[in-house]
PDB file of N, CA and C in Angstrom:
ATOM      1  N   MET A   1      72.423  67.823  72.459  1.00  0.00           N
ATOM      2  CA  MET A   1      73.539  68.231  73.660  1.00  0.00           C
ATOM      3  C   MET A   1      72.782  69.249  74.605  1.00  0.00           C
ATOM      4  N   ARG A   2      72.797  68.653  76.183  1.00  0.00           N
ATOM      5  CA  ARG A   2      72.146  69.152  76.882  1.00  0.00           C
ATOM      6  C   ARG A   2      72.895  70.521  77.486  1.00  0.00           C
ATOM      7  N   GLN A   3      72.209  71.339  77.797  1.00  0.00           N
ATOM      8  CA  GLN A   3      72.444  72.534  78.658  1.00  0.00           C
ATOM      9  C   GLN A   3      73.147  72.765  79.723  1.00  0.00           C
ATOM     10  N   ALA A   4      73.880  73.358  80.262  1.00  0.00           N
ATOM     11  CA  ALA A   4      74.513  73.235  81.520  1.00  0.00           C
ATOM     12  C   ALA A   4      73.906  73.916  82.265  1.00  0.00           C
ATOM     13  N   SER A   5      74.012  73.470  83.532  1.00  0.00           N
ATOM     14  CA  SER A   5      73.157  74.004  84.567  1.00  0.00           C
ATOM     15  C   SER A   5      73.544  75.472  85.213  1.00  0.00           C
ATOM     16  N   ARG A   6      72.771  76.172  85.571  1.00  0.00           N
ATOM     17  CA  ARG A   6      73.251  77.467  86.347  1.00  0.00           C
ATOM     18  C   ARG A   6      74.550  77.297  87.113  1.00  0.00           C
ATOM     19  N   VAL A   7      74.550  76.130  87.935  1.00  0.00           N
ATOM     20  CA  VAL A   7      75.925  76.143  88.932  1.00  0.00           C
ATOM     21  C   VAL A   7      76.960  75.945  87.715  1.00  0.00           C
ATOM     22  N   GLN A   8      76.849  75.087  86.986  1.00  0.00           N
ATOM     23  CA  GLN A   8      77.900  74.892  86.098  1.00  0.00           C
ATOM     24  C   GLN A   8      78.581  75.915  85.277  1.00  0.00           C
ATOM     25  N   ARG A   9      77.559  76.785  84.851  1.00  0.00           N
ATOM     26  CA  ARG A   9      78.060  77.961  84.250  1.00  0.00           C
ATOM     27  C   ARG A   9      78.511  79.196  84.947  1.00  0.00           C
ATOM     28  N   ALA A  10      78.362  79.425  86.166  1.00  0.00           N
ATOM     29  CA  ALA A  10      78.810  79.919  87.241  1.00  0.00           C
ATOM     30  C   ALA A  10      80.069  79.501  87.541  1.00  0.00           C
ATOM     31  N   SER A  11      80.290  78.403  87.469  1.00  0.00           N
ATOM     32  CA  SER A  11      81.952  77.749  88.007  1.00  0.00           C
ATOM     33  C   SER A  11      82.714  77.850  87.048  1.00  0.00           C
ATOM     34  N   ALA A  12      81.982  77.931  85.958  1.00  0.00           N
ATOM     35  CA  ALA A  12      83.295  78.371  84.771  1.00  0.00           C
ATOM     36  C   ALA A  12      83.525  79.612  84.202  1.00  0.00           C
ATOM     37  N   VAL A  13      83.143  80.552  85.305  1.00  0.00           N
ATOM     38  CA  VAL A  13      83.674  82.026  85.334  1.00  0.00           C
ATOM     39  C   VAL A  13      85.043  82.566  86.426  1.00  0.00           C
ATOM     40  N   THR A  14      85.698  82.680  85.572  1.00  0.00           N
ATOM     41  CA  THR A  14      87.026  83.117  86.893  1.00  0.00           C
ATOM     42  C   THR A  14      86.955  84.617  86.860  1.00  0.00           C
ATOM     43  N   VAL A  15      87.403  84.936  87.817  1.00  0.00           N
ATOM     44  CA  VAL A  15      87.687  86.534  88.157  1.00  0.00           C
ATOM     45  C   VAL A  15      88.847  86.547  88.853  1.00  0.00           C
ATOM     46  N   ARG A  16      89.508  87.264  88.328  1.00  0.00           N
ATOM     47  CA  ARG A  16      91.101  87.450  89.249  1.00  0.00           C
ATOM     48  C   ARG A  16      90.684  88.984  89.648  1.00  0.00           C
ATOM     49  N   ALA A  17      91.023  89.408  90.799  1.00  0.00           N
ATOM     50  CA  ALA A  17      91.292  90.292  91.311  1.00  0.00           C
ATOM     51  C   ALA A  17      92.218  90.595  92.509  1.00  0.00           C
ATOM     52  N   VAL A  18      92.898  91.844  92.126  1.00  0.00           N
ATOM     53  CA  VAL A  18      94.210  91.902  93.108  1.00  0.00           C
ATOM     54  C   VAL A  18      93.965  93.205  93.672  1.00  0.00           C
ATOM     55  N   LYS A  19      94.079  93.044  95.110  1.00  0.00           N
ATOM     56  CA  LYS A  19      94.503  94.654  95.821  1.00  0.00           C
ATOM     57  C   LYS A  19      95.787  95.246  95.630  1.00  0.00           C
ATOM     58  N   VAL A  20      95.500  96.396  95.261  1.00  0.00           N
ATOM     59  CA  VAL A  20      96.758  97.048  95.058  1.00  0.00           C
ATOM     60  C   VAL A  20      96.498  98.610  95.525  1.00  0.00           C
ATOM     61  N   SER A  21      97.589  98.966  96.023  1.00  0.00           N
ATOM     62  CA  SER A  21      97.593 100.569  96.445  1.00  0.00           C
ATOM     63  C   SER A  21      97.978 101.463  95.942  1.00  0.00           C
ATOM     64  N   VAL A  22      98.154 102.569  95.789  1.00  0.00           N
ATOM     65  CA  VAL A  22      97.995 103.580  95.352  1.00  0.00           C
ATOM     66  C   VAL A  22      99.352 103.919  94.791  1.00  0.00           C
ATOM     67  N   GLY A  23     100.568 103.307  95.817  1.00  0.00           N
ATOM     68  CA  GLY A  23     101.845 103.231  95.481  1.00  0.00           C
ATOM     69  C   GLY A  23     102.127 102.403  94.409  1.00  0.00           C
ATOM     70  N   ASP A  24     101.444 101.062  93.918  1.00  0.00           N
ATOM     71  CA  ASP A  24     101.512 100.523  93.350  1.00  0.00           C
ATOM     72  C   ASP A  24     101.251 100.584  91.706  1.00  0.00           C
ATOM     73  N   LEU A  25     100.445 101.628  91.539  1.00  0.00           N
ATOM     74  CA  LEU A  25      99.965 101.864  90.181  1.00  0.00           C
ATOM     75  C   LEU A  25     100.891 101.762  89.345  1.00  0.00           C
ATOM     76  N   LYS A  26     102.062 102.861  89.326  1.00  0.00           N
ATOM     77  CA  LYS A  26     103.138 103.155  88.436  1.00  0.00           C
ATOM     78  C   LYS A  26     103.626 101.926  87.892  1.00  0.00           C
ATOM     79  N   LYS A  27     103.830 100.524  88.468  1.00  0.00           N
ATOM     80  CA  LYS A  27     103.665  99.364  88.478  1.00  0.00           C
ATOM     81  C   LYS A  27     103.040  98.715  87.348  1.00  0.00           C
ATOM     82  N   ALA A  28     102.062  98.792  87.128  1.00  0.00           N
ATOM     83  CA  ALA A  28     100.891  98.076  86.941  1.00  0.00           C
ATOM     84  C   ALA A  28     101.022  98.777  85.102  1.00  0.00           C
ATOM     85  N   ASP A  29     100.567  97.600  84.384  1.00  0.00           N
ATOM     86  CA  ASP A  29     100.392  97.844  82.739  1.00  0.00           C
ATOM     87  C   ASP A  29      98.318  97.840  83.020  1.00  0.00           C
ATOM     88  N   LEU A  30      98.116  99.015  82.704  1.00  0.00           N
ATOM     89  CA  LEU A  30      96.680  99.514  83.294  1.00  0.00           C
ATOM     90  C   LEU A  30      95.749  99.425  81.896  1.00  0.00           C
ATOM     91  N   GLU A  31      96.557  99.166  80.657  1.00  0.00           N
ATOM     92  CA  GLU A  31      95.945  99.793  79.500  1.00  0.00           C
ATOM     93  C   GLU A  31      94.492  98.340  79.511  1.00  0.00           C
ATOM     94  N   GLY A  32      93.421  99.282  79.507  1.00  0.00           N
ATOM     95  CA  GLY A  32      92.280  97.945  79.040  1.00  0.00           C
ATOM     96  C   GLY A  32      92.112  96.991  80.278  1.00  0.00           C
ATOM     97  N   LYS A  33      92.420  97.725  81.499  1.00  0.00           N
ATOM     98  CA  LYS A  33      92.281  96.576  82.464  1.00  0.00           C
ATOM     99  C   LYS A  33      91.159  97.529  83.300  1.00  0.00           C
ATOM    100  N   ARG A  34      90.296  96.782  83.895  1.00  0.00           N
ATOM    101  CA  ARG A  34      89.075  97.049  84.523  1.00  0.00           C
ATOM    102  C   ARG A  34      89.589  97.638  86.055  1.00  0.00           C
ATOM    103  N   VAL A  35      89.654  98.917  86.731  1.00  0.00           N
ATOM    104  CA  VAL A  35      90.315  99.011  88.301  1.00  0.00           C
ATOM    105  C   VAL A  35      89.020  99.567  88.826  1.00  0.00           C
ATOM    106  N   PHE A  36      89.217  98.557  89.595  1.00  0.00           N
ATOM    107  CA  PHE A  36      87.954  99.210  90.661  1.00  0.00           C
ATOM    108  C   PHE A  36      88.290 100.130  91.467  1.00  0.00           C
ATOM    109  N   VAL A  37      88.010 101.592  91.968  1.00  0.00           N
ATOM    110  CA  VAL A  37      88.511 102.255  92.995  1.00  0.00           C
ATOM    111  C   VAL A  37      87.592 102.396  94.092  1.00  0.00           C
ATOM    112  N   ARG A  38      87.785 102.286  95.168  1.00  0.00           N
ATOM    113  CA  ARG A  38      86.785 102.456  96.352  1.00  0.00           C
ATOM    114  C   ARG A  38      87.668 103.559  97.147  1.00  0.00           C
ATOM    115  N   ALA A  39      86.830 104.809  97.239  1.00  0.00           N
ATOM    116  CA  ALA A  39      87.287 106.015  97.658  1.00  0.00           C
ATOM    117  C   ALA A  39      86.596 106.857  98.916  1.00  0.00           C
ATOM    118  N   ASP A  40      87.168 107.376  99.569  1.00  0.00           N
ATOM    119  CA  ASP A  40      86.175 107.800 101.010  1.00  0.00           C
ATOM    120  C   ASP A  40      85.945 109.511 100.342  1.00  0.00           C
ATOM    121  N   LEU A  41      84.337 109.012  99.949  1.00  0.00           N
ATOM    122  CA  LEU A  41      84.369 110.545  99.486  1.00  0.00           C
ATOM    123  C   LEU A  41      83.257 111.115 100.592  1.00  0.00           C
ATOM    124  N   ASN A  42      83.028 110.761 101.725  1.00  0.00           N
ATOM    125  CA  ASN A  42      82.071 111.284 102.637  1.00  0.00           C
ATOM    126  C   ASN A  42      82.496 112.717 102.877  1.00  0.00           C
ATOM    127  N   VAL A  43      81.737 113.457 102.553  1.00  0.00           N
ATOM    128  CA  VAL A  43      82.150 114.942 102.480  1.00  0.00           C
ATOM    129  C   VAL A  43      81.087 116.167 103.472  1.00  0.00           C
ATOM    130  N   PRO A  44      81.193 117.174 104.217  1.00  0.00           N
ATOM    131  CA  PRO A  44      80.529 117.789 104.939  1.00  0.00           C
ATOM    132  C   PRO A  44      79.540 118.551 103.851  1.00  0.00           C
ATOM    133  N   MET A  45      78.229 118.443 104.520  1.00  0.00           N
ATOM    134  CA  MET A  45      77.418 119.249 103.848  1.00  0.00           C
ATOM    135  C   MET A  45      76.563 120.302 104.449  1.00  0.00           C
ATOM    136  N   ASP A  46      75.851 121.400 103.796  1.00  0.00           N
ATOM    137  CA  ASP A  46      75.019 121.939 104.640  1.00  0.00           C
ATOM    138  C   ASP A  46      73.493 121.396 104.535  1.00  0.00           C
ATOM    139  N   LYS A  47      72.701 122.067 105.239  1.00  0.00           N
ATOM    140  CA  LYS A  47      71.326 121.393 105.393  1.00  0.00           C
ATOM    141  C   LYS A  47      70.434 121.519 104.181  1.00  0.00           C
ATOM    142  N   ALA A  48      70.903 122.327 102.939  1.00  0.00           N
ATOM    143  CA  ALA A  48      70.631 122.049 101.721  1.00  0.00           C
ATOM    144  C   ALA A  48      71.241 121.273 100.806  1.00  0.00           C
ATOM    145  N   GLY A  49      72.330 120.419 101.234  1.00  0.00           N
ATOM    146  CA  GLY A  49      72.777 119.471 100.651  1.00  0.00           C
ATOM    147  C   GLY A  49      74.237 119.802  99.443  1.00  0.00           C
ATOM    148  N   ASN A  50      73.920 120.831 100.071  1.00  0.00           N
ATOM    149  CA  ASN A  50      75.420 121.331  99.521  1.00  0.00           C
ATOM    150  C   ASN A  50      76.946 121.167 100.168  1.00  0.00           C
ATOM    151  N   VAL A  51      77.785 120.473  99.105  1.00  0.00           N
ATOM    152  CA  VAL A  51      79.188 120.147  99.869  1.00  0.00           C
ATOM    153  C   VAL A  51      79.807 121.413 100.426  1.00  0.00           C
ATOM    154  N   THR A  52      80.002 121.578 101.202  1.00  0.00           N
ATOM    155  CA  THR A  52      80.977 122.633 101.902  1.00  0.00           C
ATOM    156  C   THR A  52      82.358 122.684 101.963  1.00  0.00           C
ATOM    157  N   ASP A  53      82.919 121.479 102.099  1.00  0.00           N
ATOM    158  CA  ASP A  53      84.432 121.127 101.713  1.00  0.00           C
ATOM    159  C   ASP A  53      84.684 119.924 100.575  1.00  0.00           C
ATOM    160  N   ASP A  54      85.144 120.298  99.548  1.00  0.00           N
ATOM    161  CA  ASP A  54      85.474 119.316  98.772  1.00  0.00           C
ATOM    162  C   ASP A  54      86.764 118.422  98.648  1.00  0.00           C
ATOM    163  N   THR A  55      87.686 118.511  99.868  1.00  0.00           N
ATOM    164  CA  THR A  55      88.750 118.472  99.900  1.00  0.00           C
ATOM    165  C   THR A  55      89.258 116.818  99.484  1.00  0.00           C
ATOM    166  N   ARG A  56      88.287 115.962  99.912  1.00  0.00           N
ATOM    167  CA  ARG A  56      88.175 114.554  99.368  1.00  0.00           C
ATOM    168  C   ARG A  56      88.344 114.046  97.894  1.00  0.00           C
ATOM    169  N   ILE A  57      87.130 115.072  97.310  1.00  0.00           N
ATOM    170  CA  ILE A  57      86.511 114.822  96.508  1.00  0.00           C
ATOM    171  C   ILE A  57      87.988 115.252  95.292  1.00  0.00           C
ATOM    172  N   ARG A  58      88.592 116.506  95.909  1.00  0.00           N
ATOM    173  CA  ARG A  58      89.992 116.640  95.104  1.00  0.00           C
ATOM    174  C   ARG A  58      90.997 115.807  95.107  1.00  0.00           C
ATOM    175  N   ALA A  59      91.029 114.929  96.390  1.00  0.00           N
ATOM    176  CA  ALA A  59      92.467 114.257  96.460  1.00  0.00           C
ATOM    177  C   ALA A  59      92.322 113.071  95.785  1.00  0.00           C
ATOM    178  N   ALA A  60      91.091 112.865  95.474  1.00  0.00           N
ATOM    179  CA  ALA A  60      90.837 111.317  94.590  1.00  0.00           C
ATOM    180  C   ALA A  60      91.137 111.772  93.116  1.00  0.00           C
ATOM    181  N   ILE A  61      91.524 113.067  92.800  1.00  0.00           N
ATOM    182  CA  ILE A  61      91.462 113.489  91.046  1.00  0.00           C
ATOM    183  C   ILE A  61      92.370 112.681  90.615  1.00  0.00           C
ATOM    184  N   PRO A  62      93.888 113.269  91.118  1.00  0.00           N
ATOM    185  CA  PRO A  62      94.869 112.698  90.298  1.00  0.00           C
ATOM    186  C   PRO A  62      94.890 111.268  90.287  1.00  0.00           C
ATOM    187  N   THR A  63      94.566 110.172  91.235  1.00  0.00           N
ATOM    188  CA  THR A  63      94.640 108.794  90.998  1.00  0.00           C
ATOM    189  C   THR A  63      93.418 108.922  89.847  1.00  0.00           C
ATOM    190  N   LEU A  64      92.557 109.055  89.907  1.00  0.00           N
ATOM    191  CA  LEU A  64      91.267 108.696  88.720  1.00  0.00           C
ATOM    192  C   LEU A  64      91.813 109.469  87.510  1.00  0.00           C
ATOM    193  N   LYS A  65      92.739 110.518  87.548  1.00  0.00           N
ATOM    194  CA  LYS A  65      93.239 110.807  86.048  1.00  0.00           C
ATOM    195  C   LYS A  65      94.254 109.942  85.517  1.00  0.00           C
ATOM    196  N   TYR A  66      95.182 109.426  86.486  1.00  0.00           N
ATOM    197  CA  TYR A  66      96.422 108.595  86.457  1.00  0.00           C
ATOM    198  C   TYR A  66      95.822 107.635  85.629  1.00  0.00           C
ATOM    199  N   LEU A  67      94.555 106.949  86.564  1.00  0.00           N
ATOM    200  CA  LEU A  67      94.465 105.876  85.609  1.00  0.00           C
ATOM    201  C   LEU A  67      93.791 105.736  84.254  1.00  0.00           C
ATOM    202  N   LEU A  68      92.701 106.816  83.991  1.00  0.00           N
ATOM    203  CA  LEU A  68      92.272 106.967  82.703  1.00  0.00           C
ATOM    204  C   LEU A  68      93.081 107.003  81.822  1.00  0.00           C
ATOM    205  N   ASP A  69      94.430 108.332  82.041  1.00  0.00           N
ATOM    206  CA  ASP A  69      95.128 108.561  81.343  1.00  0.00           C
ATOM    207  C   ASP A  69      95.931 107.325  80.568  1.00  0.00           C
ATOM    208  N   ASN A  70      95.921 106.303  81.649  1.00  0.00           N
ATOM    209  CA  ASN A  70      96.669 104.881  81.202  1.00  0.00           C
ATOM    210  C   ASN A  70      96.117 104.196  80.722  1.00  0.00           C
ATOM    211  N   GLY A  71      94.692 104.304  80.462  1.00  0.00           N
ATOM    212  CA  GLY A  71      93.743 103.583  79.450  1.00  0.00           C
ATOM    213  C   GLY A  71      93.099 102.213  80.503  1.00  0.00           C
ATOM    214  N   ALA A  72      92.986 102.458  81.544  1.00  0.00           N
ATOM    215  CA  ALA A  72      92.263 101.911  82.852  1.00  0.00           C
ATOM    216  C   ALA A  72      90.678 102.206  82.403  1.00  0.00           C
ATOM    217  N   LYS A  73      90.012 100.937  82.667  1.00  0.00           N
ATOM    218  CA  LYS A  73      88.422 101.202  82.659  1.00  0.00           C
ATOM    219  C   LYS A  73      87.909 101.416  84.160  1.00  0.00           C
ATOM    220  N   VAL A  74      87.646 102.750  84.470  1.00  0.00           N
ATOM    221  CA  VAL A  74      87.687 102.676  86.178  1.00  0.00           C
ATOM    222  C   VAL A  74      85.992 102.769  86.375  1.00  0.00           C
ATOM    223  N   LEU A  75      85.960 101.755  87.815  1.00  0.00           N
ATOM    224  CA  LEU A  75      84.784 101.866  88.230  1.00  0.00           C
ATOM    225  C   LEU A  75      84.778 102.396  89.551  1.00  0.00           C
ATOM    226  N   LEU A  76      84.692 103.648  90.210  1.00  0.00           N
ATOM    227  CA  LEU A  76      84.306 104.504  91.225  1.00  0.00           C
ATOM    228  C   LEU A  76      83.046 104.246  91.887  1.00  0.00           C
ATOM    229  N   THR A  77      83.597 103.908  93.336  1.00  0.00           N
ATOM    230  CA  THR A  77      82.501 103.650  94.230  1.00  0.00           C
ATOM    231  C   THR A  77      82.762 104.371  95.495  1.00  0.00           C
ATOM    232  N   SER A  78      81.947 104.537  96.065  1.00  0.00           N
ATOM    233  CA  SER A  78      81.830 105.142  97.658  1.00  0.00           C
ATOM    234  C   SER A  78      80.570 104.989  98.477  1.00  0.00           C
ATOM    235  N   HIS A  79      80.160 105.792  99.514  1.00  0.00           N
ATOM    236  CA  HIS A  79      79.402 105.740  99.905  1.00  0.00           C
ATOM    237  C   HIS A  79      79.101 107.252 100.745  1.00  0.00           C
ATOM    238  N   LEU A  80      77.951 107.565 100.837  1.00  0.00           N
ATOM    239  CA  LEU A  80      77.629 108.822 101.656  1.00  0.00           C
ATOM    240  C   LEU A  80      76.947 108.611 102.864  1.00  0.00           C
ATOM    241  N   VAL A  81      77.570 108.878 104.081  1.00  0.00           N
ATOM    242  CA  VAL A  81      76.979 109.124 105.471  1.00  0.00           C
ATOM    243  C   VAL A  81      75.909 110.402 105.800  1.00  0.00           C
ATOM    244  N   ARG A  82      74.800 110.073 105.895  1.00  0.00           N
ATOM    245  CA  ARG A  82      73.905 111.204 106.142  1.00  0.00           C
ATOM    246  C   ARG A  82      73.720 110.856 107.535  1.00  0.00           C
ATOM    247  N   ARG A  83      74.810 111.902 108.514  1.00  0.00           N
ATOM    248  CA  ARG A  83      74.669 111.819 110.007  1.00  0.00           C
ATOM    249  C   ARG A  83      73.498 113.128 110.408  1.00  0.00           C
ATOM    250  N   SER A  84      72.942 112.455 111.395  1.00  0.00           N
ATOM    251  CA  SER A  84      71.572 113.201 111.952  1.00  0.00           C
ATOM    252  C   SER A  84      72.346 114.215 113.364  1.00  0.00           C
ATOM    253  N   SER A  85      71.996 115.279 113.185  1.00  0.00           N
ATOM    254  CA  SER A  85      72.635 116.203 114.549  1.00  0.00           C
ATOM    255  C   SER A  85      71.994 115.638 115.750  1.00  0.00           C
ATOM    256  N   ALA A  86      70.499 114.877 116.019  1.00  0.00           N
ATOM    257  CA  ALA A  86      69.929 114.960 116.839  1.00  0.00           C
ATOM    258  C   ALA A  86      70.688 113.309 116.984  1.00  0.00           C
ATOM    259  N   LYS A  87      70.708 113.278 118.676  1.00  0.00           N
ATOM    260  CA  LYS A  87      71.249 112.076 118.964  1.00  0.00           C
ATOM    261  C   LYS A  87      70.642 111.899 120.430  1.00  0.00           C
TER     262      LYS A  87
END
């Protein structure tokens, strides 16, 4: 029997992704589902790299807790912009 080519194997994979807002989370059956969360966690930091205001981090916690408490497998992503004061 001939092995499937890389293209044939890749085309056999089906990925289902649905964009959902936080307001829709209570409607969802989260048990065992993978949930991709993109959070805006850009926070101000001092010169030593210490977070000076964690408001955005704290704001994400209830959503993450809800997902985890309802059996979701959470993938949390963000990015950090390091702004230079010199322009």
